[in-house]
Amino acid sequence: MSELKLNLWRNAKDYFFITLGVGLYALGFCAFILPEKVVIGGLAGLGTLVYFLTNIPVGITQYALNLLLLAIAYKVVGRQFVIGTIYGATMISVFVSIFQPLFDAPLTNEPFMNIVVGGIMCGFGIGLTFVHNGSSGGTDIVAAMVSKHSNVSIGRMMLYTDFFIISSSYLLFHDLDKVVYGFVVLFLVSYMADLVINTNRQAVQFTIFSPHWKEIATAINNEAKRGCTVLSGMGWYSKQEVKVLLVMCRKIESVTIFRIIKSIDSNAFITQANVNGVYGKGFDEVKVKMKVDDGGKSHKSPFHFGHGDSDNTAQTGHPKSMA
């Protein structure tokens, strides 16, 4: 398969899963959360407030606010961010507009059950969207603009914004339970999105100190089929030079690595750390969009469909926007 066809396939797959993700989000919101009159974070929460005040459908308010924010953001965060966000913002408003009239009443008589199911569905949908470089717009547009001109992180700004929107629902309903349910949804969406985003990237990093480092490295190569990097160091207490092994493996392989080490040197000093996103041979593939010029040649491009800032998730740990 040529590089051009491969890029087209990846783009098509991204758009499919982004559409599926925002669809799941809209279904969870409209079927389980909105009928309980619970205000959540993001533009969906603002749309909910407007809906119960004016009866204007959530999807219309949500889309209008997204377009307004994107127009303001154009000069601040750049063209790539705006273009990458329009598709997700459009589709989520379309799905919300379709699903909202279909669910006038809660699906179950247990409000907390509805909130939990809705929060899980929304979080899964947002996570799926972000895994495929998508964005649903919402308060992450505000956060991206603020982060350009202040030291406030995107994650913290989004948290402040969501907290304000959810808390304001008390002025409308005068019901503390609704506010608490809103924060439950915020937690569930954040947790589920993180789970979906990071599950496929979970790996383990071992740092091994042992005088038998050669035997351990050879055994890990031959038995676990994993590579080892040998680093030179010095123990400051002993003032002796030591060799340190650095090993990356998938989480399910960590027990095998431990057994290999302990079978060779039961006194080995070992540290283990969970890492997200190990890329390269034997691990995940680095997925980047490629531009094709007029001559048919492709080259790497900083453009990513979606956030435009592909490192936002790593910096903030809060890659969620409740649309």
Protein backbone atom coordinates (compact mmCIF):
# COMPACT_ATOMS: atom_id res chain seq x y z
CA MET A 1 0.00 0.00 0.00
CA SER A 2 1.43 3.40 -1.00
CA GLU A 3 2.02 6.10 1.56
CA LEU A 4 -0.80 8.21 0.13
CA LYS A 5 -3.29 5.34 0.39
CA LEU A 6 -2.06 4.54 3.88
CA ASN A 7 -2.65 8.13 4.98
CA LEU A 8 -6.10 8.15 3.41
CA TRP A 9 -6.93 4.93 5.25
CA ARG A 10 -5.73 6.37 8.55
CA ASN A 11 -7.71 9.55 8.02
CA ALA A 12 -10.85 7.58 7.18
CA LYS A 13 -10.38 5.41 10.27
CA ASP A 14 -9.85 8.49 12.45
CA TYR A 15 -13.01 10.15 11.17
CA PHE A 16 -15.01 6.95 11.70
CA PHE A 17 -13.93 6.53 15.31
CA ILE A 18 -14.28 10.24 16.06
CA THR A 19 -17.85 10.06 14.76
CA LEU A 20 -18.49 6.93 16.83
CA GLY A 21 -16.98 8.59 19.91
CA VAL A 22 -19.04 11.77 19.74
CA GLY A 23 -22.10 9.64 18.98
CA LEU A 24 -21.59 7.62 22.17
CA TYR A 25 -21.05 10.83 24.10
CA ALA A 26 -24.28 12.34 22.76
CA LEU A 27 -26.25 9.16 23.47
CA GLY A 28 -25.02 8.93 27.06
CA PHE A 29 -25.74 12.61 27.63
CA CYS A 30 -29.21 12.69 26.05
CA ALA A 31 -30.47 9.30 27.25
CA PHE A 32 -29.19 9.25 30.82
CA ILE A 33 -27.99 12.66 32.04
CA LEU A 34 -30.19 15.35 30.47
CA PRO A 35 -33.51 13.70 31.50
CA GLU A 36 -32.30 13.84 35.12
CA LYS A 37 -31.87 17.63 34.75
CA VAL A 38 -28.22 17.36 35.70
CA VAL A 39 -25.84 20.06 34.44
CA ILE A 40 -22.39 18.79 33.48
CA GLY A 41 -19.25 20.65 32.48
CA GLY A 42 -18.39 22.15 29.12
CA LEU A 43 -20.67 23.62 26.49
CA ALA A 44 -23.07 20.73 26.97
CA GLY A 45 -23.59 22.04 30.50
CA LEU A 46 -24.11 25.59 29.26
CA GLY A 47 -26.51 24.26 26.63
CA THR A 48 -28.41 22.43 29.37
CA LEU A 49 -28.78 25.64 31.41
CA VAL A 50 -30.03 27.51 28.34
CA TYR A 51 -32.42 24.66 27.48
CA PHE A 52 -34.12 24.66 30.87
CA LEU A 53 -34.30 28.47 30.87
CA THR A 54 -35.46 29.07 27.29
CA ASN A 55 -36.36 25.63 25.86
CA ILE A 56 -33.80 26.06 23.06
CA PRO A 57 -32.40 22.59 22.18
CA VAL A 58 -28.98 21.83 23.64
CA GLY A 59 -27.45 21.00 20.24
CA ILE A 60 -28.25 24.44 18.80
CA THR A 61 -26.79 26.35 21.75
CA GLN A 62 -23.79 24.05 21.85
CA TYR A 63 -22.98 24.51 18.17
CA ALA A 64 -23.52 28.27 18.23
CA LEU A 65 -21.17 28.65 21.20
CA ASN A 66 -18.58 26.38 19.56
CA LEU A 67 -18.61 28.46 16.38
CA LEU A 68 -18.33 31.68 18.39
CA LEU A 69 -15.39 30.34 20.40
CA LEU A 70 -13.67 29.02 17.28
CA ALA A 71 -14.05 32.38 15.56
CA ILE A 72 -12.47 34.09 18.57
CA ALA A 73 -9.78 31.38 18.80
CA TYR A 74 -8.78 31.63 15.13
CA LYS A 75 -6.22 34.39 15.66
CA VAL A 76 -5.11 33.15 19.06
CA VAL A 77 -4.52 29.40 18.67
CA GLY A 78 -4.20 29.16 14.91
CA ARG A 79 -5.91 27.82 11.82
CA GLN A 80 -4.93 24.17 12.36
CA PHE A 81 -6.61 23.98 15.76
CA VAL A 82 -9.82 25.55 14.41
CA ILE A 83 -10.04 23.32 11.32
CA GLY A 84 -9.34 20.21 13.36
CA THR A 85 -12.06 21.05 15.87
CA ILE A 86 -14.88 21.97 13.49
CA TYR A 87 -15.71 18.39 12.47
CA GLY A 88 -15.99 17.04 16.02
CA ALA A 89 -17.94 20.10 17.20
CA THR A 90 -20.34 19.78 14.27
CA MET A 91 -20.96 16.06 14.69
CA ILE A 92 -21.53 16.22 18.43
CA SER A 93 -24.13 18.96 17.96
CA VAL A 94 -25.83 16.93 15.22
CA PHE A 95 -26.01 13.81 17.41
CA VAL A 96 -27.28 15.76 20.43
CA SER A 97 -29.99 17.35 18.27
CA ILE A 98 -31.02 13.90 16.99
CA PHE A 99 -31.03 12.11 20.35
CA GLN A 100 -32.52 14.80 22.60
CA PRO A 101 -36.14 14.53 21.32
CA LEU A 102 -36.00 10.73 21.61
CA PHE A 103 -35.44 10.66 25.37
CA ASP A 104 -37.94 12.77 27.29
CA ALA A 105 -37.80 10.71 30.49
CA PRO A 106 -35.00 8.85 32.32
CA LEU A 107 -34.48 5.27 31.13
CA THR A 108 -34.55 3.93 34.70
CA ASN A 109 -36.11 5.03 37.97
CA GLU A 110 -32.70 5.19 39.66
CA PRO A 111 -31.17 8.66 39.20
CA PHE A 112 -27.72 7.61 40.39
CA MET A 113 -27.71 4.63 38.02
CA ASN A 114 -28.58 6.93 35.12
CA ILE A 115 -25.78 9.31 36.09
CA VAL A 116 -23.20 6.52 36.32
CA VAL A 117 -24.17 4.92 33.01
CA GLY A 118 -24.31 8.30 31.27
CA GLY A 119 -20.96 9.38 32.70
CA ILE A 120 -19.28 6.14 31.62
CA MET A 121 -20.68 6.42 28.08
CA CYS A 122 -19.65 10.07 27.79
CA GLY A 123 -16.16 9.35 29.08
CA PHE A 124 -15.71 6.39 26.76
CA GLY A 125 -16.87 8.47 23.80
CA ILE A 126 -14.55 11.38 24.63
CA GLY A 127 -11.63 8.98 25.15
CA LEU A 128 -12.27 7.29 21.82
CA THR A 129 -12.37 10.68 20.13
CA PHE A 130 -9.07 11.78 21.60
CA VAL A 131 -7.32 8.47 20.84
CA HIS A 132 -7.97 9.22 17.18
CA ASN A 133 -6.72 12.82 17.36
CA GLY A 134 -10.18 14.31 17.51
CA SER A 135 -11.70 17.13 19.50
CA SER A 136 -15.28 17.92 20.38
CA GLY A 137 -14.61 21.59 20.92
CA GLY A 138 -16.14 22.96 24.10
CA THR A 139 -14.23 24.42 27.00
CA ASP A 140 -10.88 23.16 25.72
CA ILE A 141 -11.08 26.01 23.17
CA VAL A 142 -11.28 28.50 26.05
CA ALA A 143 -8.52 26.66 27.89
CA ALA A 144 -6.25 26.68 24.83
CA MET A 145 -6.72 30.43 24.40
CA VAL A 146 -6.08 31.19 28.06
CA SER A 147 -2.97 29.01 28.14
CA LYS A 148 -1.48 31.09 25.31
CA HIS A 149 -1.46 34.21 27.48
CA SER A 150 -1.07 32.92 31.03
CA ASN A 151 0.71 30.34 33.14
CA VAL A 152 -2.54 28.50 33.92
CA SER A 153 -2.39 24.99 32.47
CA ILE A 154 -5.07 23.80 30.06
CA GLY A 155 -6.20 21.08 32.44
CA ARG A 156 -6.55 23.47 35.36
CA MET A 157 -8.41 26.04 33.27
CA MET A 158 -10.85 23.39 32.06
CA LEU A 159 -11.38 22.26 35.65
CA TYR A 160 -12.13 25.83 36.78
CA THR A 161 -14.56 26.33 33.91
CA ASP A 162 -16.39 23.04 34.50
CA PHE A 163 -16.59 23.72 38.24
CA PHE A 164 -18.22 27.10 37.60
CA ILE A 165 -20.75 25.71 35.09
CA ILE A 166 -21.79 22.79 37.30
CA SER A 167 -22.04 24.92 40.44
CA SER A 168 -24.21 27.48 38.65
CA SER A 169 -26.93 24.83 38.20
CA TYR A 170 -27.85 25.35 41.86
CA LEU A 171 -29.11 28.85 40.97
CA LEU A 172 -31.49 27.27 38.45
CA PHE A 173 -32.78 24.18 40.26
CA HIS A 174 -31.97 24.98 43.92
CA ASP A 175 -31.19 21.30 44.33
CA LEU A 176 -27.84 20.32 45.82
CA ASP A 177 -28.28 16.73 44.63
CA LYS A 178 -28.16 17.91 41.01
CA VAL A 179 -24.88 19.72 41.65
CA VAL A 180 -23.37 16.63 43.29
CA TYR A 181 -24.51 14.48 40.36
CA GLY A 182 -22.87 16.95 38.00
CA PHE A 183 -19.52 16.52 39.75
CA VAL A 184 -19.98 12.74 39.72
CA VAL A 185 -20.36 12.92 35.94
CA LEU A 186 -17.27 15.15 35.71
CA PHE A 187 -15.22 12.58 37.62
CA LEU A 188 -16.55 9.62 35.63
CA VAL A 189 -15.94 11.31 32.27
CA SER A 190 -12.39 12.25 33.27
CA TYR A 191 -11.62 8.78 34.63
CA MET A 192 -13.10 6.87 31.70
CA ALA A 193 -11.44 9.11 29.11
CA ASP A 194 -8.05 8.60 30.79
CA LEU A 195 -8.68 4.86 30.92
CA VAL A 196 -9.50 4.64 27.22
CA ILE A 197 -6.62 6.90 26.18
CA ASN A 198 -3.96 5.20 28.28
CA THR A 199 -5.00 1.52 28.27
CA ASN A 200 -3.34 0.68 24.95
CA ARG A 201 -0.21 2.63 25.86
CA GLN A 202 0.52 1.13 29.26
CA ALA A 203 4.02 -0.18 29.53
CA VAL A 204 6.57 -0.78 32.28
CA GLN A 205 10.08 0.56 32.67
CA PHE A 206 12.57 -1.44 34.73
CA THR A 207 15.79 -0.04 36.13
CA ILE A 208 18.00 -2.90 37.33
CA PHE A 209 21.18 -2.74 39.43
CA SER A 210 23.07 -6.01 39.68
CA PRO A 211 26.65 -7.31 39.43
CA HIS A 212 25.15 -10.05 37.23
CA TRP A 213 23.88 -7.55 34.68
CA LYS A 214 25.33 -9.45 31.71
CA GLU A 215 23.46 -12.65 32.55
CA ILE A 216 20.25 -10.75 33.26
CA ALA A 217 20.46 -8.77 30.00
CA THR A 218 21.14 -11.92 27.97
CA ALA A 219 18.23 -13.77 29.61
CA ILE A 220 15.83 -10.87 29.00
CA ASN A 221 16.91 -10.79 25.33
CA ASN A 222 16.55 -14.54 24.84
CA GLU A 223 13.59 -15.44 27.06
CA ALA A 224 11.46 -12.31 27.21
CA LYS A 225 12.46 -11.16 23.70
CA ARG A 226 12.97 -7.64 24.98
CA GLY A 227 15.91 -5.31 24.48
CA CYS A 228 18.10 -3.90 27.24
CA THR A 229 20.04 -0.68 27.41
CA VAL A 230 23.22 -0.74 29.52
CA LEU A 231 24.00 2.53 31.30
CA SER A 232 27.17 3.37 33.20
CA GLY A 233 26.85 4.81 36.70
CA MET A 234 28.57 5.10 40.04
CA GLY A 235 27.32 4.34 43.52
CA TRP A 236 28.14 7.44 45.54
CA TYR A 237 28.31 5.59 48.84
CA SER A 238 30.62 2.84 47.58
CA LYS A 239 32.36 5.03 44.98
CA GLN A 240 32.26 1.98 42.71
CA GLU A 241 31.29 2.02 39.05
CA VAL A 242 28.12 0.05 38.30
CA LYS A 243 26.20 -1.01 35.23
CA VAL A 244 22.49 -0.21 35.12
CA LEU A 245 20.01 -2.03 32.88
CA LEU A 246 17.07 -0.10 31.42
CA VAL A 247 14.28 -2.32 30.10
CA MET A 248 10.95 -1.44 28.52
CA CYS A 249 8.19 -4.02 28.26
CA ARG A 250 4.45 -4.25 28.09
CA LYS A 251 2.59 -4.43 31.38
CA ILE A 252 1.60 -8.08 30.91
CA GLU A 253 5.28 -8.98 30.45
CA SER A 254 6.43 -7.42 33.74
CA VAL A 255 6.00 -10.64 35.75
CA THR A 256 8.23 -12.50 33.27
CA ILE A 257 10.94 -9.83 33.62
CA PHE A 258 10.75 -10.03 37.42
CA ARG A 259 11.11 -13.82 37.38
CA ILE A 260 14.13 -13.65 35.08
CA ILE A 261 15.88 -11.13 37.32
CA LYS A 262 15.14 -12.96 40.55
CA SER A 263 16.18 -16.32 39.13
CA ILE A 264 19.65 -14.91 38.36
CA ASP A 265 20.17 -12.48 41.24
CA SER A 266 17.73 -12.53 44.13
CA ASN A 267 19.52 -9.49 45.63
CA ALA A 268 19.22 -7.31 42.56
CA PHE A 269 18.02 -3.77 43.17
CA ILE A 270 15.01 -3.09 40.92
CA THR A 271 12.75 -0.14 40.31
CA GLN A 272 9.59 -0.43 38.26
CA ALA A 273 7.60 2.48 36.86
CA ASN A 274 4.49 2.62 34.71
CA VAL A 275 4.95 4.63 31.54
CA ASN A 276 2.44 5.76 28.95
CA GLY A 277 3.32 5.80 25.31
CA VAL A 278 6.32 3.64 24.37
CA TYR A 279 6.89 3.94 20.64
CA GLY A 280 9.26 2.13 18.37
CA LYS A 281 10.08 -1.40 17.28
CA GLY A 282 8.22 -3.95 19.38
CA PHE A 283 5.84 -1.34 20.81
CA ASP A 284 3.32 1.14 19.43
CA GLU A 285 3.69 2.89 16.11
CA VAL A 286 4.03 6.66 16.08
CA LYS A 287 0.95 7.85 14.20
CA VAL A 288 1.48 11.16 12.44
CA LYS A 289 -0.37 12.70 9.57
CA MET A 290 1.62 13.12 6.36
CA LYS A 291 1.19 15.86 3.81
CA VAL A 292 1.62 14.95 0.16
CA ASP A 293 3.01 17.66 -2.10
CA ASP A 294 2.34 18.12 -5.78
CA GLY A 295 5.24 15.87 -6.71
CA GLY A 296 3.71 12.93 -4.86
CA LYS A 297 6.31 13.04 -2.11
CA SER A 298 5.21 12.96 1.47
CA HIS A 299 6.77 14.59 4.47
CA LYS A 300 6.02 14.85 8.13
CA SER A 301 3.60 17.54 9.14
CA PRO A 302 2.87 19.02 12.54
CA PHE A 303 -0.84 18.93 11.69
CA HIS A 304 -2.90 16.53 13.75
CA PHE A 305 -6.61 16.26 13.20
CA GLY A 306 -8.20 17.34 16.43
CA HIS A 307 -6.46 19.35 19.06
CA GLY A 308 -3.70 20.66 16.88
CA ASP A 309 -1.62 20.62 20.09
CA SER A 310 -0.78 16.95 20.23
CA ASP A 311 1.11 17.27 23.50
CA ASN A 312 -1.77 18.71 25.50
CA THR A 313 -2.63 15.40 27.06
CA ALA A 314 0.90 14.78 28.23
CA GLN A 315 1.24 18.20 29.77
CA THR A 316 -2.06 18.48 31.54
CA GLY A 317 -3.28 14.98 32.24
CA HIS A 318 -6.77 16.37 31.58
CA PRO A 319 -7.56 15.82 27.92
CA LYS A 320 -11.30 15.91 28.41
CA SER A 321 -13.73 18.44 27.18
CA MET A 322 -17.35 17.86 27.86
CA ALA A 323 -18.19 19.27 24.48
